[in-house]
Amino acid sequence: MKRIALISAIAISTIAGAASAQGTGDNARAEILRLAPNANVEALSNAQAVAIWNNVQDETSAFTAKQRAEAMIRSYQ
C-alpha cells in the first residue's frame, strides 16, 4: 500500500512539474510579445522563450531589449 502511495505521489509531482514548466514558457512568450509585439514567438520552444526573456531582462532600455529579443528569435528560427 505504501508503494502505491509513493508511486502516485511521484506521478503527481512529475505532472505538476511539467505543467509548471509549460506555464513558464507561456509566461515568457507573453512578456516577449509585450516587448516586441511583431515577434514570432509561437515557433519557440519553452526553453528558447525563457532564455530570450532572461537575456532581455538585463537590458536597461526598452529599445535595446526589443532589438535583442528580435535578434535572438531570428537566430532560433
Protein backbone atom coordinates (compact mmCIF):
# COMPACT_ATOMS: atom_id res chain seq x y z
CA MET A 1 0.00 0.00 0.00
CA LYS A 2 2.84 2.39 0.82
CA ARG A 3 4.43 1.62 -2.54
CA ILE A 4 1.26 2.62 -4.42
CA ALA A 5 1.04 5.87 -2.45
CA LEU A 6 4.70 6.64 -3.19
CA ILE A 7 4.29 5.95 -6.91
CA SER A 8 1.17 8.12 -7.01
CA ALA A 9 2.97 10.97 -5.27
CA ILE A 10 5.86 10.79 -7.74
CA ALA A 11 3.48 10.77 -10.71
CA ILE A 12 1.57 13.78 -9.39
CA SER A 13 4.76 15.77 -8.76
CA THR A 14 6.03 14.93 -12.25
CA ILE A 15 2.81 16.11 -13.86
CA ALA A 16 2.79 19.28 -11.76
CA GLY A 17 6.41 19.99 -12.71
CA ALA A 18 5.66 19.60 -16.41
CA ALA A 19 2.66 21.92 -16.13
CA SER A 20 4.78 24.47 -14.28
CA ALA A 21 7.45 24.38 -16.98
CA GLN A 22 4.80 24.88 -19.67
CA GLY A 23 3.45 27.87 -17.78
CA THR A 24 6.91 29.38 -17.54
CA GLY A 25 7.38 29.15 -21.32
CA ASP A 26 3.94 30.66 -21.90
CA ASN A 27 4.70 33.48 -19.47
CA ALA A 28 8.00 34.21 -21.22
CA ARG A 29 6.25 34.29 -24.62
CA ALA A 30 3.65 36.73 -23.28
CA GLU A 31 6.34 39.03 -21.88
CA ILE A 32 8.32 38.90 -25.13
CA LEU A 33 5.18 39.80 -27.08
CA ARG A 34 4.61 42.80 -24.80
CA LEU A 35 8.16 43.91 -25.53
CA ALA A 36 8.18 43.09 -29.26
CA PRO A 37 4.57 42.79 -30.49
CA ASN A 38 5.51 41.67 -34.01
CA ALA A 39 7.82 38.88 -32.86
CA ASN A 40 7.01 35.33 -33.95
CA VAL A 41 7.11 33.60 -30.57
CA GLU A 42 4.78 30.72 -31.41
CA ALA A 43 7.58 28.72 -33.01
CA LEU A 44 9.84 28.99 -29.95
CA SER A 45 10.25 26.09 -27.54
CA ASN A 46 9.70 26.75 -23.85
CA ALA A 47 13.46 26.72 -23.24
CA GLN A 48 14.10 29.19 -26.06
CA ALA A 49 11.37 31.57 -24.86
CA VAL A 50 12.68 31.50 -21.31
CA ALA A 51 16.27 32.01 -22.50
CA ILE A 52 15.28 35.04 -24.55
CA TRP A 53 13.26 36.54 -21.71
CA ASN A 54 16.11 36.01 -19.24
CA ASN A 55 18.55 37.73 -21.60
CA VAL A 56 16.43 40.77 -22.35
CA GLN A 57 15.55 41.43 -18.71
CA ASP A 58 19.09 42.72 -18.14
CA GLU A 59 18.71 45.46 -20.74
CA THR A 60 18.20 48.98 -19.40
CA SER A 61 16.42 50.42 -22.44
CA ALA A 62 13.21 49.07 -23.97
CA PHE A 63 14.57 49.68 -27.47
CA THR A 64 17.69 47.60 -26.82
CA ALA A 65 15.66 44.84 -25.18
CA LYS A 66 13.33 44.72 -28.20
CA GLN A 67 16.24 44.59 -30.64
CA ARG A 68 17.95 41.86 -28.64
CA ALA A 69 14.77 39.78 -28.38
CA GLU A 70 14.10 40.03 -32.11
CA ALA A 71 17.70 39.09 -32.93
CA MET A 72 17.57 36.06 -30.65
CA ILE A 73 14.25 34.93 -32.12
CA ARG A 74 15.72 35.17 -35.63
CA SER A 75 18.73 33.12 -34.55
CA TYR A 76 16.47 30.33 -33.26
CA GLN A 77 14.44 30.13 -36.49
